Amino acid sequence: MDVGLAARHLLQLPPLPSVPNLPKPTLPPLPTNIPTLPQPTLPTTQPSLPNPTALPPLPSLPTMPAVPKLTLPPLPSMPSIPTIPTTIPSIPFLSPPPGN
């Protein structure tokens, strides 16, 4: 789309009507004094709660029989990992022949 053509088209349109000025609403004034709320009357004495009777003792748990101790067999040892040699052995046919 050609931007210049679009701009020319917008300039050829009639101007939009202006936004009319709206009147500002007036709020009623806030009251200057706050009305007092009636205070509730609280009882001066707390009602007495009934005393709970003594609770029965908790039942004792039955004794558990002794479990025989089990001996586990020893774990097998891990096989050792072979070591990789770090030096390369010399191969005779790749080395230069001895001088005579």
C-alpha atoms as a PDB file:
ATOM      1  CA  MET A   1       0.000   0.000   0.000  1.00  0.00           C
ATOM      2  CA  ASP A   2       1.326   3.415  -0.907  1.00  0.00           C
ATOM      3  CA  VAL A   3       1.714   5.493   2.246  1.00  0.00           C
ATOM      4  CA  GLY A   4       1.719   8.786   0.353  1.00  0.00           C
ATOM      5  CA  LEU A   5      -1.578   7.953  -1.343  1.00  0.00           C
ATOM      6  CA  ALA A   6      -3.137   7.006   1.993  1.00  0.00           C
ATOM      7  CA  ALA A   7      -1.954  10.274   3.566  1.00  0.00           C
ATOM      8  CA  ARG A   8      -3.350  12.298   0.645  1.00  0.00           C
ATOM      9  CA  HIS A   9      -6.673  10.475   0.981  1.00  0.00           C
ATOM     10  CA  LEU A  10      -6.851  11.325   4.685  1.00  0.00           C
ATOM     11  CA  LEU A  11      -6.090  14.981   3.969  1.00  0.00           C
ATOM     12  CA  GLN A  12      -8.948  15.155   1.436  1.00  0.00           C
ATOM     13  CA  LEU A  13     -11.555  13.942   3.948  1.00  0.00           C
ATOM     14  CA  PRO A  14     -13.778  16.599   5.560  1.00  0.00           C
ATOM     15  CA  PRO A  15     -12.662  17.569   9.077  1.00  0.00           C
ATOM     16  CA  LEU A  16     -14.202  15.712  11.975  1.00  0.00           C
ATOM     17  CA  PRO A  17     -16.634  17.632  14.186  1.00  0.00           C
ATOM     18  CA  SER A  18     -15.084  18.907  17.391  1.00  0.00           C
ATOM     19  CA  VAL A  19     -15.952  17.341  20.722  1.00  0.00           C
ATOM     20  CA  PRO A  20     -18.546  19.508  22.497  1.00  0.00           C
ATOM     21  CA  ASN A  21     -17.667  20.851  25.928  1.00  0.00           C
ATOM     22  CA  LEU A  22     -19.719  18.961  28.468  1.00  0.00           C
ATOM     23  CA  PRO A  23     -20.834  20.706  31.656  1.00  0.00           C
ATOM     24  CA  LYS A  24     -18.962  19.587  34.755  1.00  0.00           C
ATOM     25  CA  PRO A  25     -21.260  17.832  37.210  1.00  0.00           C
ATOM     26  CA  THR A  26     -21.482  19.383  40.634  1.00  0.00           C
ATOM     27  CA  LEU A  27     -21.361  17.064  43.610  1.00  0.00           C
ATOM     28  CA  PRO A  28     -23.402  17.745  46.728  1.00  0.00           C
ATOM     29  CA  PRO A  29     -21.322  19.018  49.645  1.00  0.00           C
ATOM     30  CA  LEU A  30     -20.077  16.484  52.154  1.00  0.00           C
ATOM     31  CA  PRO A  31     -21.676  16.600  55.598  1.00  0.00           C
ATOM     32  CA  THR A  32     -19.521  18.425  58.088  1.00  0.00           C
ATOM     33  CA  ASN A  33     -20.629  16.545  61.200  1.00  0.00           C
ATOM     34  CA  ILE A  34     -20.602  12.775  61.518  1.00  0.00           C
ATOM     35  CA  PRO A  35     -23.656  11.344  63.241  1.00  0.00           C
ATOM     36  CA  THR A  36     -22.868   9.381  66.399  1.00  0.00           C
ATOM     37  CA  LEU A  37     -23.787   5.744  66.380  1.00  0.00           C
ATOM     38  CA  PRO A  38     -25.549   4.249  69.385  1.00  0.00           C
ATOM     39  CA  GLN A  39     -23.143   2.301  71.568  1.00  0.00           C
ATOM     40  CA  PRO A  40     -24.154  -1.296  72.305  1.00  0.00           C
ATOM     41  CA  THR A  41     -24.494  -2.272  75.915  1.00  0.00           C
ATOM     42  CA  LEU A  42     -22.136  -5.047  76.926  1.00  0.00           C
ATOM     43  CA  PRO A  43     -22.884  -7.386  79.814  1.00  0.00           C
ATOM     44  CA  THR A  44     -20.564  -6.750  82.728  1.00  0.00           C
ATOM     45  CA  THR A  45     -20.318 -10.367  83.909  1.00  0.00           C
ATOM     46  CA  GLN A  46     -19.434 -13.372  81.813  1.00  0.00           C
ATOM     47  CA  PRO A  47     -21.848 -16.273  82.008  1.00  0.00           C
ATOM     48  CA  SER A  48     -20.293 -19.186  83.830  1.00  0.00           C
ATOM     49  CA  LEU A  49     -19.654 -22.247  81.738  1.00  0.00           C
ATOM     50  CA  PRO A  50     -20.451 -25.681  83.140  1.00  0.00           C
ATOM     51  CA  ASN A  51     -17.359 -27.405  84.489  1.00  0.00           C
ATOM     52  CA  PRO A  52     -16.462 -30.494  82.463  1.00  0.00           C
ATOM     53  CA  THR A  53     -16.341 -33.721  84.374  1.00  0.00           C
ATOM     54  CA  ALA A  54     -13.041 -35.538  84.716  1.00  0.00           C
ATOM     55  CA  LEU A  55     -12.129 -37.341  81.530  1.00  0.00           C
ATOM     56  CA  PRO A  56     -11.554 -41.094  81.707  1.00  0.00           C
ATOM     57  CA  PRO A  57      -7.907 -42.145  81.375  1.00  0.00           C
ATOM     58  CA  LEU A  58      -6.706 -43.050  77.922  1.00  0.00           C
ATOM     59  CA  PRO A  59      -6.444 -46.770  77.247  1.00  0.00           C
ATOM     60  CA  SER A  60      -2.921 -48.087  77.246  1.00  0.00           C
ATOM     61  CA  LEU A  61      -1.504 -49.472  74.021  1.00  0.00           C
ATOM     62  CA  PRO A  62      -1.031 -53.230  73.862  1.00  0.00           C
ATOM     63  CA  THR A  63       2.552 -54.386  74.054  1.00  0.00           C
ATOM     64  CA  MET A  64       4.021 -55.325  70.698  1.00  0.00           C
ATOM     65  CA  PRO A  65       5.767 -58.691  70.365  1.00  0.00           C
ATOM     66  CA  ALA A  66       9.504 -58.491  69.861  1.00  0.00           C
ATOM     67  CA  VAL A  67      10.516 -58.830  66.219  1.00  0.00           C
ATOM     68  CA  PRO A  68      13.516 -61.114  65.620  1.00  0.00           C
ATOM     69  CA  LYS A  69      16.500 -59.289  64.190  1.00  0.00           C
ATOM     70  CA  LEU A  70      17.412 -60.290  60.669  1.00  0.00           C
ATOM     71  CA  THR A  71      20.973 -60.322  59.448  1.00  0.00           C
ATOM     72  CA  LEU A  72      21.350 -59.331  55.826  1.00  0.00           C
ATOM     73  CA  PRO A  73      23.919 -61.044  53.623  1.00  0.00           C
ATOM     74  CA  PRO A  74      26.869 -58.838  52.652  1.00  0.00           C
ATOM     75  CA  LEU A  75      26.530 -56.971  49.398  1.00  0.00           C
ATOM     76  CA  PRO A  76      28.638 -58.277  46.515  1.00  0.00           C
ATOM     77  CA  SER A  77      31.663 -56.137  45.825  1.00  0.00           C
ATOM     78  CA  MET A  78      31.684 -54.072  42.656  1.00  0.00           C
ATOM     79  CA  PRO A  79      33.949 -55.445  39.915  1.00  0.00           C
ATOM     80  CA  SER A  80      37.005 -53.325  39.355  1.00  0.00           C
ATOM     81  CA  ILE A  81      37.138 -51.293  36.139  1.00  0.00           C
ATOM     82  CA  PRO A  82      40.241 -52.100  34.065  1.00  0.00           C
ATOM     83  CA  THR A  83      42.597 -49.175  33.679  1.00  0.00           C
ATOM     84  CA  ILE A  84      43.320 -47.845  30.209  1.00  0.00           C
ATOM     85  CA  PRO A  85      47.039 -47.340  29.512  1.00  0.00           C
ATOM     86  CA  THR A  86      47.936 -43.725  28.830  1.00  0.00           C
ATOM     87  CA  THR A  87      51.124 -44.381  26.847  1.00  0.00           C
ATOM     88  CA  ILE A  88      50.993 -45.837  23.361  1.00  0.00           C
ATOM     89  CA  PRO A  89      53.438 -48.710  22.918  1.00  0.00           C
ATOM     90  CA  SER A  90      55.862 -48.308  20.046  1.00  0.00           C
ATOM     91  CA  ILE A  91      55.173 -50.496  17.067  1.00  0.00           C
ATOM     92  CA  PRO A  92      58.447 -51.828  15.567  1.00  0.00           C
ATOM     93  CA  PHE A  93      57.577 -51.608  11.864  1.00  0.00           C
ATOM     94  CA  LEU A  94      56.558 -47.911  12.159  1.00  0.00           C
ATOM     95  CA  SER A  95      59.836 -46.856  13.742  1.00  0.00           C
ATOM     96  CA  PRO A  96      62.755 -45.923  11.447  1.00  0.00           C
ATOM     97  CA  PRO A  97      65.201 -48.735  10.677  1.00  0.00           C
ATOM     98  CA  PRO A  98      68.362 -48.828  12.750  1.00  0.00           C
ATOM     99  CA  GLY A  99      71.375 -47.259  11.050  1.00  0.00           C
ATOM    100  CA  ASN A 100      74.116 -49.710   9.948  1.00  0.00           C
END
